[in-house]
């Protein structure tokens, strides 16, 4: 099963849309750096570990790499840099919709996926239909998600 490292924003989008449980039915193993989980997700989303989210322990080299990334790329947060360093450690894709983190990941040659891709996977695996996807994105928008809404509209028109 392919591992995917996620930042907090994508998981929060899934929580806001009610798709979290279904996300863990996809043929991927979703993981976040353990520090990111404890500092950004645990209090408001303690159910994530029960659903299948993996807390990834980072090597000391990976933590050092995240510090280097934080110094090199000014806009991604330190937690974003931890997620990017984790993707480098695991040699796997990074799931994020954060524009600055996506740019940094491209510079580091890390494959990037996002919330739209994740919803598309749910549709392709027949875990949701178009109407559910429309509602999910509406819920994300109402919750304040900063997705590229023109890309969401294009995606919804294609499915």
N, C-alpha and C. Protein backbone atom coordinates (compact mmCIF):
# COMPACT_ATOMS: atom_id res chain seq x y z
N UNK A 1 0.85 -1.18 0.00
CA UNK A 1 0.00 0.00 0.00
C UNK A 1 0.89 1.24 0.00
N UNK A 2 0.61 2.15 -0.91
CA UNK A 2 1.43 3.36 -1.01
C UNK A 2 1.17 4.29 0.16
N UNK A 3 2.24 4.81 0.72
CA UNK A 3 2.12 5.79 1.80
C UNK A 3 2.05 7.18 1.19
N UNK A 4 1.25 8.03 1.79
CA UNK A 4 1.12 9.42 1.39
C UNK A 4 1.28 10.27 2.64
N UNK A 5 2.17 11.25 2.59
CA UNK A 5 2.33 12.17 3.70
C UNK A 5 1.39 13.34 3.47
N UNK A 6 0.65 13.71 4.49
CA UNK A 6 -0.31 14.80 4.36
C UNK A 6 0.07 15.95 5.29
N UNK A 7 -0.29 17.15 4.86
CA UNK A 7 -0.21 18.27 5.78
C UNK A 7 -1.54 18.35 6.52
N UNK A 8 -1.64 19.23 7.48
CA UNK A 8 -2.86 19.31 8.29
C UNK A 8 -4.05 19.83 7.49
N UNK A 9 -3.81 20.75 6.54
CA UNK A 9 -4.93 21.38 5.83
C UNK A 9 -5.79 20.39 5.06
N UNK A 10 -5.16 19.43 4.41
CA UNK A 10 -5.92 18.45 3.64
C UNK A 10 -6.79 17.60 4.57
N UNK A 11 -6.22 17.20 5.68
CA UNK A 11 -6.99 16.40 6.64
C UNK A 11 -8.14 17.22 7.21
N UNK A 12 -7.91 18.48 7.48
CA UNK A 12 -8.98 19.35 7.98
C UNK A 12 -10.06 19.52 6.91
N UNK A 13 -9.67 19.66 5.64
CA UNK A 13 -10.66 19.70 4.56
C UNK A 13 -11.53 18.44 4.57
N UNK A 14 -10.90 17.29 4.73
CA UNK A 14 -11.65 16.04 4.75
C UNK A 14 -12.59 15.97 5.96
N UNK A 15 -12.10 16.43 7.09
CA UNK A 15 -12.95 16.46 8.30
C UNK A 15 -14.13 17.40 8.08
N UNK A 16 -13.86 18.60 7.54
CA UNK A 16 -14.93 19.59 7.32
C UNK A 16 -15.99 19.08 6.36
N UNK A 17 -15.58 18.22 5.43
CA UNK A 17 -16.52 17.72 4.42
C UNK A 17 -17.19 16.41 4.81
N UNK A 18 -16.79 15.84 5.94
CA UNK A 18 -17.36 14.57 6.36
C UNK A 18 -16.82 13.37 5.59
N UNK A 19 -15.70 13.54 4.90
CA UNK A 19 -15.15 12.46 4.07
C UNK A 19 -13.98 11.72 4.71
N UNK A 20 -13.65 12.06 5.93
CA UNK A 20 -12.45 11.48 6.55
C UNK A 20 -12.50 9.96 6.61
N UNK A 21 -13.59 9.43 7.09
CA UNK A 21 -13.69 7.97 7.22
C UNK A 21 -13.54 7.30 5.87
N UNK A 22 -14.16 7.86 4.85
CA UNK A 22 -14.06 7.29 3.50
C UNK A 22 -12.64 7.39 2.95
N UNK A 23 -11.95 8.47 3.29
CA UNK A 23 -10.57 8.65 2.84
C UNK A 23 -9.70 7.47 3.25
N UNK A 24 -9.95 6.95 4.44
CA UNK A 24 -9.15 5.83 4.94
C UNK A 24 -9.57 4.48 4.34
N UNK A 25 -10.60 4.51 3.49
CA UNK A 25 -10.97 3.31 2.73
C UNK A 25 -10.27 3.23 1.38
N UNK A 26 -9.55 4.28 1.03
CA UNK A 26 -8.77 4.28 -0.21
C UNK A 26 -7.54 3.39 -0.03
N UNK A 27 -6.98 2.91 -1.12
CA UNK A 27 -5.82 2.00 -1.03
C UNK A 27 -4.49 2.73 -0.80
N UNK A 28 -4.49 3.62 0.18
CA UNK A 28 -3.30 4.37 0.55
C UNK A 28 -3.18 4.36 2.06
N UNK A 29 -1.97 4.55 2.53
CA UNK A 29 -1.75 4.72 3.95
C UNK A 29 -1.39 6.19 4.16
N UNK A 30 -2.24 6.90 4.87
CA UNK A 30 -2.02 8.32 5.12
C UNK A 30 -1.23 8.49 6.40
N UNK A 31 -0.22 9.37 6.34
CA UNK A 31 0.63 9.59 7.50
C UNK A 31 0.94 11.07 7.63
N UNK A 32 1.22 11.48 8.85
CA UNK A 32 1.69 12.83 9.15
C UNK A 32 2.84 12.70 10.14
N UNK A 33 3.75 13.65 10.13
CA UNK A 33 4.78 13.63 11.16
C UNK A 33 4.14 13.66 12.55
N UNK A 34 4.69 12.88 13.47
CA UNK A 34 4.10 12.80 14.80
C UNK A 34 3.99 14.17 15.47
N UNK A 35 4.98 15.01 15.28
CA UNK A 35 4.95 16.35 15.89
C UNK A 35 3.78 17.16 15.33
N UNK A 36 3.57 17.08 14.03
CA UNK A 36 2.45 17.78 13.40
C UNK A 36 1.13 17.28 13.98
N UNK A 37 1.00 15.95 14.12
CA UNK A 37 -0.25 15.41 14.67
C UNK A 37 -0.51 15.97 16.06
N UNK A 38 0.48 15.90 16.93
CA UNK A 38 0.28 16.32 18.32
C UNK A 38 0.03 17.81 18.45
N UNK A 39 0.69 18.62 17.62
CA UNK A 39 0.55 20.06 17.75
C UNK A 39 -0.63 20.65 16.98
N UNK A 40 -1.03 20.03 15.87
CA UNK A 40 -2.05 20.65 15.04
C UNK A 40 -3.36 19.86 14.90
N UNK A 41 -3.35 18.58 15.15
CA UNK A 41 -4.53 17.77 14.86
C UNK A 41 -5.14 17.07 16.08
N UNK A 42 -4.31 16.65 17.00
CA UNK A 42 -4.77 15.77 18.08
C UNK A 42 -5.94 16.32 18.89
N UNK A 43 -5.88 17.58 19.28
CA UNK A 43 -6.92 18.13 20.14
C UNK A 43 -8.30 18.14 19.49
N UNK A 44 -8.37 18.57 18.24
CA UNK A 44 -9.66 18.70 17.58
C UNK A 44 -10.04 17.49 16.73
N UNK A 45 -9.09 16.61 16.45
CA UNK A 45 -9.36 15.47 15.58
C UNK A 45 -8.74 14.18 16.17
N UNK A 46 -9.06 13.84 17.41
CA UNK A 46 -8.42 12.68 18.04
C UNK A 46 -8.80 11.35 17.40
N UNK A 47 -9.87 11.34 16.63
CA UNK A 47 -10.36 10.12 15.98
C UNK A 47 -9.49 9.65 14.82
N UNK A 48 -8.60 10.49 14.36
CA UNK A 48 -7.83 10.18 13.15
C UNK A 48 -6.98 8.92 13.27
N UNK A 49 -6.39 8.70 14.43
CA UNK A 49 -5.56 7.51 14.61
C UNK A 49 -6.40 6.25 14.56
N UNK A 50 -7.59 6.29 15.14
CA UNK A 50 -8.50 5.15 15.11
C UNK A 50 -8.93 4.83 13.68
N UNK A 51 -9.06 5.87 12.87
CA UNK A 51 -9.48 5.67 11.48
C UNK A 51 -8.36 5.11 10.61
N UNK A 52 -7.12 5.30 11.04
CA UNK A 52 -6.01 4.74 10.26
C UNK A 52 -4.86 5.68 9.98
N UNK A 53 -4.95 6.93 10.43
CA UNK A 53 -3.84 7.85 10.23
C UNK A 53 -2.62 7.35 10.99
N UNK A 54 -1.48 7.39 10.33
CA UNK A 54 -0.23 6.94 10.94
C UNK A 54 0.57 8.16 11.40
N UNK A 55 1.01 8.10 12.65
CA UNK A 55 1.95 9.11 13.16
C UNK A 55 3.34 8.65 12.77
N UNK A 56 3.98 9.42 11.94
CA UNK A 56 5.29 9.04 11.44
C UNK A 56 6.38 9.64 12.31
N UNK A 57 7.21 8.78 12.85
CA UNK A 57 8.35 9.24 13.63
C UNK A 57 9.45 9.64 12.66
N UNK A 58 9.96 10.83 12.84
CA UNK A 58 10.99 11.33 11.95
C UNK A 58 12.38 11.04 12.51
N UNK A 59 13.28 10.66 11.63
CA UNK A 59 14.66 10.44 12.04
C UNK A 59 15.29 11.79 12.40
N UNK A 60 16.38 11.77 13.12
CA UNK A 60 17.05 13.03 13.46
C UNK A 60 17.52 13.73 12.19
N UNK A 61 17.92 12.95 11.18
CA UNK A 61 18.34 13.54 9.91
C UNK A 61 17.16 14.26 9.23
N UNK A 62 15.98 13.67 9.35
CA UNK A 62 14.81 14.27 8.73
C UNK A 62 14.41 15.56 9.45
N UNK A 63 14.53 15.56 10.77
CA UNK A 63 14.24 16.79 11.52
C UNK A 63 15.23 17.88 11.11
N UNK A 64 16.49 17.50 10.97
CA UNK A 64 17.50 18.46 10.51
C UNK A 64 17.17 18.97 9.11
N UNK A 65 16.71 18.07 8.24
CA UNK A 65 16.32 18.46 6.88
C UNK A 65 15.15 19.45 6.93
N UNK A 66 14.20 19.23 7.84
CA UNK A 66 13.06 20.14 7.94
C UNK A 66 13.52 21.53 8.37
N UNK A 67 14.53 21.59 9.21
CA UNK A 67 15.08 22.89 9.63
C UNK A 67 15.75 23.57 8.43
N UNK A 68 16.49 22.81 7.64
CA UNK A 68 17.10 23.35 6.42
C UNK A 68 16.03 23.88 5.47
N UNK A 69 14.95 23.09 5.31
CA UNK A 69 13.86 23.51 4.42
C UNK A 69 13.20 24.79 4.93
N UNK A 70 13.03 24.87 6.24
CA UNK A 70 12.43 26.05 6.86
C UNK A 70 13.28 27.29 6.62
N UNK A 71 14.59 27.12 6.63
CA UNK A 71 15.50 28.24 6.38
C UNK A 71 15.54 28.61 4.90
N UNK A 72 15.39 27.61 4.05
CA UNK A 72 15.47 27.80 2.60
C UNK A 72 14.18 28.40 2.03
N UNK A 73 13.04 27.92 2.51
CA UNK A 73 11.74 28.36 2.01
C UNK A 73 11.03 29.12 3.13
N UNK A 74 10.87 30.39 2.97
CA UNK A 74 10.35 31.24 4.03
C UNK A 74 8.84 31.13 4.25
N UNK A 75 8.09 30.81 3.21
CA UNK A 75 6.63 30.87 3.35
C UNK A 75 6.00 29.63 3.97
N UNK A 76 6.42 28.43 3.64
CA UNK A 76 5.78 27.29 4.32
C UNK A 76 6.08 27.34 5.83
N UNK A 77 5.10 26.91 6.62
CA UNK A 77 5.30 26.89 8.07
C UNK A 77 6.32 25.81 8.45
N UNK A 78 6.74 25.82 9.69
CA UNK A 78 7.69 24.79 10.13
C UNK A 78 7.02 23.42 10.09
N UNK A 79 5.71 23.35 10.34
CA UNK A 79 5.01 22.06 10.26
C UNK A 79 4.93 21.60 8.80
N UNK A 80 4.73 22.55 7.89
CA UNK A 80 4.74 22.20 6.47
C UNK A 80 6.09 21.63 6.07
N UNK A 81 7.16 22.25 6.57
CA UNK A 81 8.51 21.76 6.26
C UNK A 81 8.75 20.38 6.86
N UNK A 82 8.14 20.10 8.01
CA UNK A 82 8.22 18.76 8.59
C UNK A 82 7.53 17.75 7.67
N UNK A 83 6.37 18.12 7.13
CA UNK A 83 5.65 17.22 6.23
C UNK A 83 6.47 16.99 4.95
N UNK A 84 7.06 18.04 4.42
CA UNK A 84 7.89 17.91 3.23
C UNK A 84 9.10 17.02 3.51
N UNK A 85 9.75 17.24 4.64
CA UNK A 85 10.90 16.41 5.02
C UNK A 85 10.48 14.95 5.19
N UNK A 86 9.28 14.72 5.74
CA UNK A 86 8.78 13.35 5.90
C UNK A 86 8.57 12.69 4.55
N UNK A 87 8.03 13.46 3.58
CA UNK A 87 7.84 12.91 2.23
C UNK A 87 9.19 12.56 1.60
N UNK A 88 10.18 13.39 1.84
CA UNK A 88 11.53 13.08 1.36
C UNK A 88 12.07 11.83 2.04
N UNK A 89 11.86 11.73 3.36
CA UNK A 89 12.33 10.56 4.12
C UNK A 89 11.71 9.28 3.59
N UNK A 90 10.41 9.32 3.34
CA UNK A 90 9.68 8.12 2.92
C UNK A 90 9.70 7.92 1.41
N UNK A 91 10.24 8.90 0.69
CA UNK A 91 10.27 8.86 -0.77
C UNK A 91 8.87 8.60 -1.33
N UNK A 92 7.95 9.44 -0.90
CA UNK A 92 6.55 9.26 -1.30
C UNK A 92 5.92 10.61 -1.60
N UNK A 93 4.71 10.62 -2.19
CA UNK A 93 4.03 11.87 -2.48
C UNK A 93 3.62 12.63 -1.21
N UNK A 94 3.49 13.93 -1.40
CA UNK A 94 3.01 14.84 -0.35
C UNK A 94 1.62 15.30 -0.76
N UNK A 95 0.67 15.22 0.16
CA UNK A 95 -0.69 15.66 -0.11
C UNK A 95 -0.88 17.00 0.59
N UNK A 96 -1.00 18.05 -0.22
CA UNK A 96 -1.15 19.40 0.32
C UNK A 96 -1.86 20.29 -0.68
N UNK A 97 -2.51 21.32 -0.17
CA UNK A 97 -3.09 22.34 -1.04
C UNK A 97 -2.46 23.70 -0.75
N UNK A 98 -1.51 23.72 0.16
CA UNK A 98 -0.83 24.95 0.52
C UNK A 98 0.10 25.38 -0.62
N UNK A 99 -0.15 26.55 -1.17
CA UNK A 99 0.58 27.02 -2.35
C UNK A 99 2.09 27.10 -2.09
N UNK A 100 2.49 27.67 -0.97
CA UNK A 100 3.92 27.80 -0.68
C UNK A 100 4.58 26.44 -0.48
N UNK A 101 3.86 25.53 0.17
CA UNK A 101 4.41 24.18 0.37
C UNK A 101 4.51 23.44 -0.95
N UNK A 102 3.54 23.62 -1.81
CA UNK A 102 3.58 22.98 -3.13
C UNK A 102 4.80 23.46 -3.93
N UNK A 103 5.08 24.76 -3.86
CA UNK A 103 6.24 25.30 -4.57
C UNK A 103 7.53 24.70 -4.02
N UNK A 104 7.63 24.63 -2.70
CA UNK A 104 8.82 24.05 -2.08
C UNK A 104 8.97 22.59 -2.46
N UNK A 105 7.87 21.86 -2.45
CA UNK A 105 7.90 20.43 -2.81
C UNK A 105 8.35 20.25 -4.26
N UNK A 106 7.87 21.11 -5.14
CA UNK A 106 8.31 21.04 -6.54
C UNK A 106 9.82 21.25 -6.63
N UNK A 107 10.32 22.22 -5.89
CA UNK A 107 11.76 22.50 -5.89
C UNK A 107 12.56 21.30 -5.37
N UNK A 108 11.96 20.53 -4.46
CA UNK A 108 12.63 19.37 -3.87
C UNK A 108 12.32 18.08 -4.63
N UNK A 109 11.63 18.21 -5.77
CA UNK A 109 11.27 17.06 -6.62
C UNK A 109 10.41 16.03 -5.90
N UNK A 110 9.48 16.51 -5.09
CA UNK A 110 8.54 15.64 -4.40
C UNK A 110 7.21 15.69 -5.15
N UNK A 111 6.65 14.52 -5.42
CA UNK A 111 5.35 14.44 -6.09
C UNK A 111 4.29 15.05 -5.18
N UNK A 112 3.39 15.84 -5.78
CA UNK A 112 2.38 16.56 -5.01
C UNK A 112 0.98 16.11 -5.43
N UNK A 113 0.16 15.93 -4.44
CA UNK A 113 -1.27 15.67 -4.66
C UNK A 113 -2.02 16.59 -3.72
N UNK A 114 -3.34 16.73 -3.94
CA UNK A 114 -4.09 17.66 -3.10
C UNK A 114 -5.50 17.19 -2.81
N UNK A 115 -6.28 18.07 -2.24
CA UNK A 115 -7.65 17.76 -1.85
C UNK A 115 -8.49 17.38 -3.06
N UNK A 116 -8.34 18.10 -4.17
CA UNK A 116 -9.12 17.77 -5.37
C UNK A 116 -8.78 16.36 -5.82
N UNK A 117 -7.50 16.03 -5.84
CA UNK A 117 -7.07 14.67 -6.21
C UNK A 117 -7.69 13.64 -5.28
N UNK A 118 -7.72 13.96 -4.00
CA UNK A 118 -8.26 13.03 -3.01
C UNK A 118 -9.75 12.79 -3.23
N UNK A 119 -10.50 13.85 -3.49
CA UNK A 119 -11.93 13.69 -3.77
C UNK A 119 -12.11 12.91 -5.08
N UNK A 120 -11.27 13.17 -6.06
CA UNK A 120 -11.32 12.42 -7.31
C UNK A 120 -11.09 10.93 -7.06
N UNK A 121 -10.14 10.62 -6.20
CA UNK A 121 -9.90 9.21 -5.85
C UNK A 121 -11.12 8.58 -5.20
N UNK A 122 -11.80 9.33 -4.36
CA UNK A 122 -13.03 8.82 -3.73
C UNK A 122 -14.10 8.53 -4.77
N UNK A 123 -14.19 9.40 -5.79
CA UNK A 123 -15.16 9.19 -6.88
C UNK A 123 -14.74 7.97 -7.71
N UNK A 124 -13.46 7.92 -8.10
CA UNK A 124 -12.97 6.81 -8.93
C UNK A 124 -13.15 5.45 -8.24
N UNK A 125 -12.98 5.42 -6.93
CA UNK A 125 -13.14 4.17 -6.19
C UNK A 125 -14.59 3.93 -5.76
N UNK A 126 -15.48 4.78 -6.29
CA UNK A 126 -16.92 4.67 -6.06
C UNK A 126 -17.29 4.70 -4.58
N UNK A 127 -16.54 5.50 -3.83
CA UNK A 127 -16.86 5.69 -2.42
C UNK A 127 -17.81 6.86 -2.24
N UNK A 128 -17.81 7.79 -3.23
CA UNK A 128 -18.78 8.88 -3.27
C UNK A 128 -19.18 9.09 -4.73
N UNK A 129 -20.30 9.81 -4.91
CA UNK A 129 -20.73 10.16 -6.27
C UNK A 129 -20.57 11.67 -6.48
N UNK A 130 -20.94 12.14 -7.65
CA UNK A 130 -20.76 13.55 -7.99
C UNK A 130 -21.50 14.47 -7.01
N UNK A 131 -22.72 14.11 -6.67
CA UNK A 131 -23.50 14.94 -5.76
C UNK A 131 -22.82 15.05 -4.40
N UNK A 132 -22.25 13.96 -3.93
CA UNK A 132 -21.54 13.98 -2.65
C UNK A 132 -20.27 14.81 -2.76
N UNK A 133 -19.61 14.75 -3.90
CA UNK A 133 -18.41 15.57 -4.12
C UNK A 133 -18.77 17.05 -4.10
N UNK A 134 -19.87 17.40 -4.76
CA UNK A 134 -20.32 18.79 -4.78
C UNK A 134 -20.60 19.27 -3.36
N UNK A 135 -21.32 18.47 -2.59
CA UNK A 135 -21.63 18.83 -1.21
C UNK A 135 -20.36 18.94 -0.37
N UNK A 136 -19.42 18.02 -0.57
CA UNK A 136 -18.17 18.03 0.19
C UNK A 136 -17.41 19.33 -0.05
N UNK A 137 -17.31 19.74 -1.32
CA UNK A 137 -16.60 20.98 -1.61
C UNK A 137 -17.35 22.20 -1.07
N UNK A 138 -18.66 22.14 -1.11
CA UNK A 138 -19.46 23.24 -0.53
C UNK A 138 -19.18 23.35 0.96
N UNK A 139 -19.14 22.21 1.65
CA UNK A 139 -18.85 22.22 3.08
C UNK A 139 -17.44 22.74 3.37
N UNK A 140 -16.48 22.36 2.53
CA UNK A 140 -15.11 22.86 2.70
C UNK A 140 -15.06 24.37 2.52
N UNK A 141 -15.76 24.86 1.51
CA UNK A 141 -15.76 26.30 1.24
C UNK A 141 -16.38 27.06 2.40
N UNK A 142 -17.50 26.54 2.91
CA UNK A 142 -18.16 27.20 4.04
C UNK A 142 -17.30 27.17 5.29
N UNK A 143 -16.44 26.17 5.42
CA UNK A 143 -15.55 26.07 6.58
C UNK A 143 -14.31 26.94 6.42
N UNK A 144 -14.14 27.56 5.25
CA UNK A 144 -13.02 28.47 5.04
C UNK A 144 -11.81 27.88 4.35
N UNK A 145 -11.98 26.73 3.70
CA UNK A 145 -10.86 26.13 2.98
C UNK A 145 -10.36 27.10 1.91
N UNK A 146 -9.04 27.08 1.70
CA UNK A 146 -8.43 27.97 0.71
C UNK A 146 -8.07 27.21 -0.56
N UNK A 147 -8.96 26.36 -1.00
CA UNK A 147 -8.72 25.62 -2.23
C UNK A 147 -8.79 26.55 -3.43
N UNK A 148 -8.17 26.14 -4.54
CA UNK A 148 -8.31 26.93 -5.78
C UNK A 148 -9.69 26.63 -6.37
N UNK A 149 -10.64 27.48 -6.07
CA UNK A 149 -12.04 27.17 -6.37
C UNK A 149 -12.32 27.08 -7.86
N UNK A 150 -11.56 27.75 -8.68
CA UNK A 150 -11.75 27.58 -10.13
C UNK A 150 -11.36 26.17 -10.56
N UNK A 151 -10.32 25.60 -9.94
CA UNK A 151 -9.92 24.22 -10.24
C UNK A 151 -10.96 23.23 -9.71
N UNK A 152 -11.56 23.55 -8.57
CA UNK A 152 -12.63 22.69 -8.03
C UNK A 152 -13.79 22.68 -9.02
N UNK A 153 -14.17 23.86 -9.52
CA UNK A 153 -15.27 23.96 -10.48
C UNK A 153 -14.97 23.16 -11.75
N UNK A 154 -13.74 23.27 -12.25
CA UNK A 154 -13.33 22.51 -13.44
C UNK A 154 -13.42 21.01 -13.17
N UNK A 155 -12.95 20.60 -12.00
CA UNK A 155 -13.01 19.18 -11.64
C UNK A 155 -14.47 18.70 -11.60
N UNK A 156 -15.32 19.46 -10.94
CA UNK A 156 -16.73 19.05 -10.81
C UNK A 156 -17.40 18.98 -12.18
N UNK A 157 -17.00 19.82 -13.11
CA UNK A 157 -17.57 19.79 -14.45
C UNK A 157 -17.11 18.57 -15.24
N UNK A 158 -15.95 18.03 -14.87
CA UNK A 158 -15.41 16.86 -15.58
C UNK A 158 -15.98 15.52 -15.10
N UNK A 159 -16.45 15.48 -13.87
CA UNK A 159 -16.93 14.18 -13.36
C UNK A 159 -18.40 13.97 -13.63
